Amino acid sequence: MSDNVKLTSFSSAAGCGAKLKARDLMKVLEGLPSFKDEHLEVGFDGAEDALVYNITNDLSLVSTVDFFPPMVDDPFIFGQIAAANALSDIYAMGAEPIYALSLMCFVQKLDKGILKRILEGGISKATEAGIAIAGGHTIEDQGIKYGLAVTGKVEKNKVWRNNTIVKGDAVVLTKALGVGIINTAYRCSAVSQQGIKSAIDSMTLLNKYACLIAKNHTVHAATDVTGFGLLGHLAEMTDKKEYSIRIKAKAVPYIEEAFSLAEYGYLPCASYYNREYTEGKILIKESIPLPLTDILYDPQTSGGLLLSLPYNEAEEFVSEYTDARIIGEVTDKDTHQIIVE
């Protein structure tokens, strides 16, 4: 297998930053016919992370799919990140994964050893999650893309939804932000080894561990932070609700180098799309530095869980899962859905 192949050279965008513009996507989804099925608990309405389909009085299946182009050049690490990202939607619903299928687009002329290493990376994370990748589908393409279709299970009526926040709740984030900015700088060879290592460590970390601890608490609402950035996903949590969320900017964790990279302008195109998507929904106080604002809009790949839970339980949770931070609270309806101060 050639060590000189740069996987990132086969795409113009990386990871979840390759998502379509949120505003364009929502317009398309709004125009689709609705599908009625008494067993379908959660469909694509409400921008949920996965669908939920009731099987028995006690059991529901949770199903999701996610794939994207490389954000790193190492094929094994790319496979790990893609698998962790796809599994994340299951954990964001409070569910347990049970099996997965792989999706792969590959450039025919490339060494098939690269293809094998990507798949091996995915298998390593599936194994860590306790499931098998039991098959999949591969096609020839001009670029490289990889991901998983994952099926999970959850007790009926114990699904975590993304917009069931409760006034007085604390808002908790379980991973630091900034990986989109760092991935963009990586493509330009402008990030330090420590910076890209921090991003890789974050992107390959399964949300399994945060989910398991959070299940011991009263989670009112949950999602994971991916391509629409922290502010985009917070906007989804407050959509059509009689509440707002106030975010304490200084409390938001981020990878340190992302701040200076944002100052130099290493921003993914998707961060501008995220600003467009949330226009009119977000109020950011003038005292917030511009690079930090950029980080709040930054599209994340395999980002952390975003949880809304009672304040006392949130404090317990962050003491148990030490990567997590309380970053804000759910309040009465204000002038904007999200206020960053």
Protein backbone atom coordinates (compact mmCIF):
# COMPACT_ATOMS: atom_id res chain seq x y z
CA MET A 1 0.00 0.00 0.00
CA SER A 2 1.38 3.39 -0.99
CA ASP A 3 2.16 5.73 1.90
CA ASN A 4 2.20 8.74 -0.44
CA VAL A 5 -1.53 8.87 -1.18
CA LYS A 6 -3.24 11.87 0.43
CA LEU A 7 -6.84 10.83 0.99
CA THR A 8 -7.84 14.44 1.58
CA SER A 9 -6.83 15.32 -1.98
CA PHE A 10 -9.84 13.40 -3.30
CA SER A 11 -12.43 15.78 -1.88
CA SER A 12 -13.12 19.50 -1.62
CA ALA A 13 -14.69 19.22 1.84
CA ALA A 14 -13.97 17.04 4.85
CA GLY A 15 -16.08 15.01 7.26
CA CYS A 16 -19.39 16.50 8.35
CA GLY A 17 -18.29 19.77 6.77
CA ALA A 18 -19.31 18.13 3.47
CA LYS A 19 -23.00 18.26 4.39
CA LEU A 20 -25.36 20.13 2.10
CA LYS A 21 -26.38 23.61 3.22
CA ALA A 22 -28.81 23.16 6.09
CA ARG A 23 -31.22 25.79 4.75
CA ASP A 24 -31.37 24.13 1.30
CA LEU A 25 -31.80 20.68 2.79
CA MET A 26 -34.66 21.77 5.06
CA LYS A 27 -36.52 23.31 2.12
CA VAL A 28 -36.30 20.01 0.25
CA LEU A 29 -37.45 17.96 3.24
CA GLU A 30 -40.38 20.27 3.88
CA GLY A 31 -41.65 19.58 0.35
CA LEU A 32 -41.60 15.80 0.67
CA PRO A 33 -44.84 13.87 1.22
CA SER A 34 -45.39 12.64 4.76
CA PHE A 35 -45.52 8.92 5.46
CA LYS A 36 -47.92 7.58 8.03
CA ASP A 37 -47.09 4.43 9.98
CA GLU A 38 -48.39 3.80 13.47
CA HIS A 39 -45.14 2.05 14.36
CA LEU A 40 -42.92 4.97 13.31
CA GLU A 41 -42.18 6.89 16.50
CA VAL A 42 -39.60 9.28 14.98
CA GLY A 43 -39.19 10.09 11.29
CA PHE A 44 -37.27 12.82 9.45
CA ASP A 45 -39.49 15.58 10.79
CA GLY A 46 -37.89 17.59 13.59
CA ALA A 47 -34.30 17.06 12.37
CA GLU A 48 -33.82 14.12 14.73
CA ASP A 49 -30.58 12.12 14.66
CA ALA A 50 -32.18 8.79 13.72
CA LEU A 51 -35.52 7.17 13.01
CA VAL A 52 -37.25 5.11 15.69
CA TYR A 53 -39.54 2.23 14.75
CA ASN A 54 -41.58 0.39 17.37
CA ILE A 55 -41.40 -3.43 17.15
CA THR A 56 -43.11 -4.62 20.33
CA ASN A 57 -44.78 -3.05 23.35
CA ASP A 58 -41.36 -2.76 24.98
CA LEU A 59 -38.84 -2.50 22.15
CA SER A 60 -38.07 -0.02 19.36
CA LEU A 61 -35.40 -0.10 16.69
CA VAL A 62 -33.28 2.98 16.00
CA SER A 63 -31.77 3.37 12.53
CA THR A 64 -29.32 5.90 11.08
CA VAL A 65 -26.85 6.30 8.22
CA ASP A 66 -23.85 8.61 7.84
CA PHE A 67 -20.88 8.77 5.49
CA PHE A 68 -18.47 11.43 4.26
CA PRO A 69 -15.10 12.13 2.57
CA PRO A 70 -11.76 11.97 4.46
CA MET A 71 -10.58 14.66 6.86
CA VAL A 72 -7.23 12.90 7.52
CA ASP A 73 -4.82 11.07 5.23
CA ASP A 74 -4.35 7.94 7.34
CA PRO A 75 -6.92 5.41 6.02
CA PHE A 76 -7.25 3.48 9.29
CA ILE A 77 -7.89 6.64 11.31
CA PHE A 78 -10.35 7.87 8.68
CA GLY A 79 -12.25 4.58 9.04
CA GLN A 80 -12.30 4.97 12.82
CA ILE A 81 -13.64 8.52 12.65
CA ALA A 82 -16.34 7.68 10.12
CA ALA A 83 -17.55 4.74 12.19
CA ALA A 84 -17.51 6.71 15.46
CA ASN A 85 -19.48 9.47 13.77
CA ALA A 86 -22.17 7.10 12.45
CA LEU A 87 -22.49 5.34 15.80
CA SER A 88 -22.92 8.70 17.50
CA ASP A 89 -26.48 9.17 16.22
CA ILE A 90 -27.52 5.98 18.02
CA TYR A 91 -26.03 7.18 21.30
CA ALA A 92 -27.62 10.61 20.79
CA MET A 93 -31.03 8.90 20.87
CA GLY A 94 -30.20 7.14 24.16
CA ALA A 95 -30.06 3.82 22.32
CA GLU A 96 -27.68 0.86 22.10
CA PRO A 97 -26.22 -0.16 18.69
CA ILE A 98 -26.73 -3.79 17.66
CA TYR A 99 -25.24 -4.06 14.14
CA ALA A 100 -24.05 -2.00 11.17
CA LEU A 101 -23.56 -2.12 7.40
CA SER A 102 -20.77 -0.25 5.62
CA LEU A 103 -21.02 2.25 2.77
CA MET A 104 -17.93 2.88 0.64
CA CYS A 105 -17.15 4.95 -2.44
CA PHE A 106 -13.64 4.28 -3.71
CA VAL A 107 -11.35 5.36 -6.53
CA GLN A 108 -10.75 2.30 -8.72
CA LYS A 109 -7.13 3.14 -9.60
CA LEU A 110 -5.98 3.35 -5.97
CA ASP A 111 -4.22 0.58 -4.08
CA LYS A 112 -6.89 -1.69 -2.57
CA GLY A 113 -4.77 -1.88 0.56
CA ILE A 114 -6.07 1.61 1.31
CA LEU A 115 -9.64 0.34 1.02
CA LYS A 116 -8.83 -2.51 3.41
CA ARG A 117 -7.31 -0.19 6.01
CA ILE A 118 -10.35 2.11 5.95
CA LEU A 119 -12.61 -0.88 6.55
CA GLU A 120 -10.33 -2.16 9.30
CA GLY A 121 -10.52 1.22 11.02
CA GLY A 122 -14.30 1.07 10.92
CA ILE A 123 -14.32 -2.47 12.28
CA SER A 124 -12.07 -1.46 15.18
CA LYS A 125 -14.63 1.13 16.37
CA ALA A 126 -17.57 -1.21 15.78
CA THR A 127 -15.78 -3.81 17.91
CA GLU A 128 -15.27 -1.22 20.64
CA ALA A 129 -19.00 -0.48 20.43
CA GLY A 130 -19.72 -4.20 20.84
CA ILE A 131 -21.27 -4.79 17.40
CA ALA A 132 -20.43 -6.38 14.07
CA ILE A 133 -20.29 -4.73 10.67
CA ALA A 134 -22.17 -7.52 8.94
CA GLY A 135 -21.90 -6.43 5.31
CA GLY A 136 -22.27 -3.37 3.13
CA HIS A 137 -21.96 -1.93 -0.34
CA THR A 138 -19.00 -0.50 -2.29
CA ILE A 139 -19.07 1.48 -5.53
CA GLU A 140 -16.47 3.09 -7.78
CA ASP A 141 -16.32 6.87 -7.53
CA GLN A 142 -14.05 9.80 -8.35
CA GLY A 143 -13.64 10.41 -4.61
CA ILE A 144 -13.41 8.44 -1.38
CA LYS A 145 -16.34 8.31 1.04
CA TYR A 146 -17.01 5.93 3.91
CA GLY A 147 -19.55 5.47 6.65
CA LEU A 148 -22.06 3.13 8.25
CA ALA A 149 -25.76 2.41 8.38
CA VAL A 150 -26.32 1.50 12.03
CA THR A 151 -29.27 -0.15 13.74
CA GLY A 152 -29.79 0.09 17.48
CA LYS A 153 -32.40 -0.73 20.08
CA VAL A 154 -34.09 1.21 22.87
CA GLU A 155 -36.95 0.69 25.26
CA LYS A 156 -40.15 2.16 23.90
CA ASN A 157 -40.82 5.68 25.21
CA LYS A 158 -37.25 6.01 26.50
CA VAL A 159 -35.92 7.63 23.34
CA TRP A 160 -34.04 10.91 23.77
CA ARG A 161 -35.54 13.56 21.46
CA ASN A 162 -33.69 16.70 20.41
CA ASN A 163 -36.35 19.35 21.16
CA THR A 164 -37.90 18.32 24.48
CA ILE A 165 -35.93 20.78 26.59
CA VAL A 166 -37.36 21.90 29.94
CA LYS A 167 -37.12 25.35 31.51
CA GLY A 168 -34.41 25.43 34.16
CA ASP A 169 -32.39 22.64 32.58
CA ALA A 170 -28.63 22.87 32.28
CA VAL A 171 -27.16 22.40 28.80
CA VAL A 172 -24.14 20.10 28.75
CA LEU A 173 -21.56 19.45 26.02
CA THR A 174 -19.35 16.34 26.22
CA LYS A 175 -16.56 17.15 23.71
CA ALA A 176 -14.49 20.20 22.90
CA LEU A 177 -15.28 22.10 19.69
CA GLY A 178 -12.95 23.16 16.88
CA VAL A 179 -12.27 20.00 14.88
CA GLY A 180 -13.71 21.49 11.67
CA ILE A 181 -11.30 24.41 11.84
CA ILE A 182 -8.38 22.09 12.62
CA ASN A 183 -9.32 19.73 9.77
CA THR A 184 -9.40 22.70 7.39
CA ALA A 185 -5.95 23.85 8.54
CA TYR A 186 -4.67 20.27 8.23
CA ARG A 187 -5.50 20.27 4.52
CA CYS A 188 -3.30 23.37 4.24
CA SER A 189 -0.49 21.89 6.39
CA ALA A 190 -1.05 24.75 8.83
CA VAL A 191 -1.81 22.87 12.06
CA SER A 192 0.63 21.50 14.63
CA GLN A 193 1.03 17.80 15.34
CA GLN A 194 -0.50 18.34 18.77
CA GLY A 195 -3.44 20.18 17.24
CA ILE A 196 -4.34 17.41 14.78
CA LYS A 197 -3.74 14.78 17.48
CA SER A 198 -6.23 16.54 19.76
CA ALA A 199 -8.77 16.60 16.94
CA ILE A 200 -8.23 12.93 16.09
CA ASP A 201 -8.49 11.90 19.74
CA SER A 202 -11.82 13.72 19.93
CA MET A 203 -13.21 12.40 16.64
CA THR A 204 -12.31 8.77 17.38
CA LEU A 205 -13.78 8.84 20.91
CA LEU A 206 -17.09 6.99 20.98
CA ASN A 207 -20.02 8.79 22.57
CA LYS A 208 -20.85 5.39 24.06
CA TYR A 209 -19.18 6.31 27.33
CA ALA A 210 -20.96 9.63 27.80
CA CYS A 211 -24.26 7.97 26.85
CA LEU A 212 -23.89 5.18 29.40
CA ILE A 213 -23.32 7.64 32.23
CA ALA A 214 -26.06 10.02 31.03
CA LYS A 215 -28.57 7.15 31.11
CA ASN A 216 -28.26 7.19 34.89
CA HIS A 217 -29.69 10.71 34.87
CA THR A 218 -32.89 12.44 33.71
CA VAL A 219 -32.07 13.46 30.14
CA HIS A 220 -34.88 15.66 28.86
CA ALA A 221 -33.39 16.26 25.41
CA ALA A 222 -30.29 15.23 23.49
CA THR A 223 -28.53 15.45 20.16
CA ASP A 224 -24.93 15.26 18.94
CA VAL A 225 -22.96 18.19 17.56
CA THR A 226 -22.00 17.52 13.95
CA GLY A 227 -22.12 19.40 10.66
CA PHE A 228 -24.46 22.23 11.69
CA GLY A 229 -22.15 23.29 14.53
CA LEU A 230 -23.01 23.92 18.17
CA LEU A 231 -25.27 26.88 17.40
CA GLY A 232 -27.07 25.06 14.60
CA HIS A 233 -27.90 22.11 16.82
CA LEU A 234 -28.93 24.39 19.69
CA ALA A 235 -31.29 26.11 17.26
CA GLU A 236 -32.84 22.73 16.47
CA MET A 237 -33.31 22.06 20.19
CA THR A 238 -35.24 25.33 20.59
CA ASP A 239 -37.16 25.26 17.30
CA LYS A 240 -40.86 26.06 17.82
CA LYS A 241 -40.39 25.98 21.59
CA GLU A 242 -41.49 28.49 24.21
CA TYR A 243 -37.97 28.58 25.62
CA SER A 244 -34.59 30.05 24.80
CA ILE A 245 -31.10 28.82 25.67
CA ARG A 246 -28.47 31.13 27.14
CA ILE A 247 -24.89 30.03 26.49
CA LYS A 248 -21.91 31.13 28.59
CA ALA A 249 -19.20 31.51 25.97
CA LYS A 250 -16.35 31.15 28.45
CA ALA A 251 -17.75 27.79 29.57
CA VAL A 252 -17.71 26.24 26.08
CA PRO A 253 -14.75 23.83 25.70
CA TYR A 254 -12.68 24.00 22.53
CA ILE A 255 -9.34 22.75 21.28
CA GLU A 256 -6.92 25.58 22.07
CA GLU A 257 -5.25 25.78 18.67
CA ALA A 258 -8.62 26.21 16.93
CA PHE A 259 -8.80 29.78 18.28
CA SER A 260 -5.57 30.95 16.65
CA LEU A 261 -6.38 29.06 13.43
CA ALA A 262 -9.75 30.81 13.28
CA GLU A 263 -7.94 34.14 13.70
CA TYR A 264 -5.90 33.26 10.59
CA GLY A 265 -9.06 32.41 8.65
CA TYR A 266 -8.90 28.61 8.45
CA LEU A 267 -12.69 28.22 8.42
CA PRO A 268 -14.65 25.47 6.64
CA CYS A 269 -17.16 26.65 4.05
CA ALA A 270 -19.86 24.93 6.11
CA SER A 271 -19.30 27.38 8.97
CA TYR A 272 -20.65 30.15 6.71
CA TYR A 273 -23.61 27.94 5.76
CA ASN A 274 -24.29 27.44 9.47
CA ARG A 275 -24.41 31.20 9.99
CA GLU A 276 -26.91 31.47 7.15
CA TYR A 277 -29.02 28.61 8.57
CA THR A 278 -29.30 30.22 12.01
CA GLU A 279 -29.79 33.80 10.83
CA GLY A 280 -32.26 35.60 13.07
CA LYS A 281 -32.18 32.82 15.67
CA ILE A 282 -28.89 33.63 17.41
CA LEU A 283 -27.82 36.70 19.39
CA ILE A 284 -24.10 36.84 20.16
CA LYS A 285 -23.06 39.64 22.50
CA GLU A 286 -20.47 42.07 21.10
CA SER A 287 -18.00 41.14 23.84
CA ILE A 288 -17.51 37.64 22.37
CA PRO A 289 -14.24 37.45 20.34
CA LEU A 290 -14.77 36.71 16.65
CA PRO A 291 -12.58 33.54 16.68
CA LEU A 292 -14.72 32.12 19.48
CA THR A 293 -17.86 32.93 17.48
CA ASP A 294 -16.30 31.04 14.56
CA ILE A 295 -15.75 28.04 16.84
CA LEU A 296 -19.41 28.09 17.91
CA TYR A 297 -20.44 27.87 14.24
CA ASP A 298 -17.74 25.32 13.36
CA PRO A 299 -19.05 22.08 11.77
CA GLN A 300 -17.99 19.16 13.94
CA THR A 301 -17.17 15.64 12.81
CA SER A 302 -17.98 12.97 15.40
CA GLY A 303 -18.73 15.74 17.89
CA GLY A 304 -19.93 15.37 21.44
CA LEU A 305 -23.37 14.87 22.91
CA LEU A 306 -25.45 17.95 23.69
CA LEU A 307 -27.72 17.24 26.64
CA SER A 308 -30.50 19.06 28.46
CA LEU A 309 -31.06 17.80 32.00
CA PRO A 310 -31.96 19.13 35.47
CA TYR A 311 -29.22 21.37 36.85
CA ASN A 312 -28.39 19.24 39.91
CA GLU A 313 -28.13 16.12 37.76
CA ALA A 314 -26.01 17.98 35.21
CA GLU A 315 -23.55 18.82 37.97
CA GLU A 316 -23.42 15.16 38.95
CA PHE A 317 -22.97 14.11 35.33
CA VAL A 318 -20.00 16.42 34.67
CA SER A 319 -18.36 15.21 37.88
CA GLU A 320 -18.70 11.62 36.61
CA TYR A 321 -17.85 12.29 32.95
CA THR A 322 -15.00 14.75 33.33
CA ASP A 323 -14.75 15.76 29.65
CA ALA A 324 -18.24 17.27 29.86
CA ARG A 325 -19.02 20.90 30.66
CA ILE A 326 -22.15 22.80 31.61
CA ILE A 327 -22.30 25.52 28.95
CA GLY A 328 -25.70 27.12 29.47
CA GLU A 329 -29.29 26.86 30.63
CA VAL A 330 -32.84 26.74 29.32
CA THR A 331 -34.75 29.95 30.10
CA ASP A 332 -38.02 31.67 29.33
CA LYS A 333 -38.49 32.77 25.73
CA ASP A 334 -36.22 35.71 24.95
CA THR A 335 -35.61 37.90 21.92
CA HIS A 336 -33.73 35.05 20.18
CA GLN A 337 -33.73 31.27 20.41
CA ILE A 338 -30.08 31.27 21.46
CA ILE A 339 -28.25 34.02 23.33
CA VAL A 340 -24.46 33.78 23.69
CA GLU A 341 -23.01 35.99 26.40
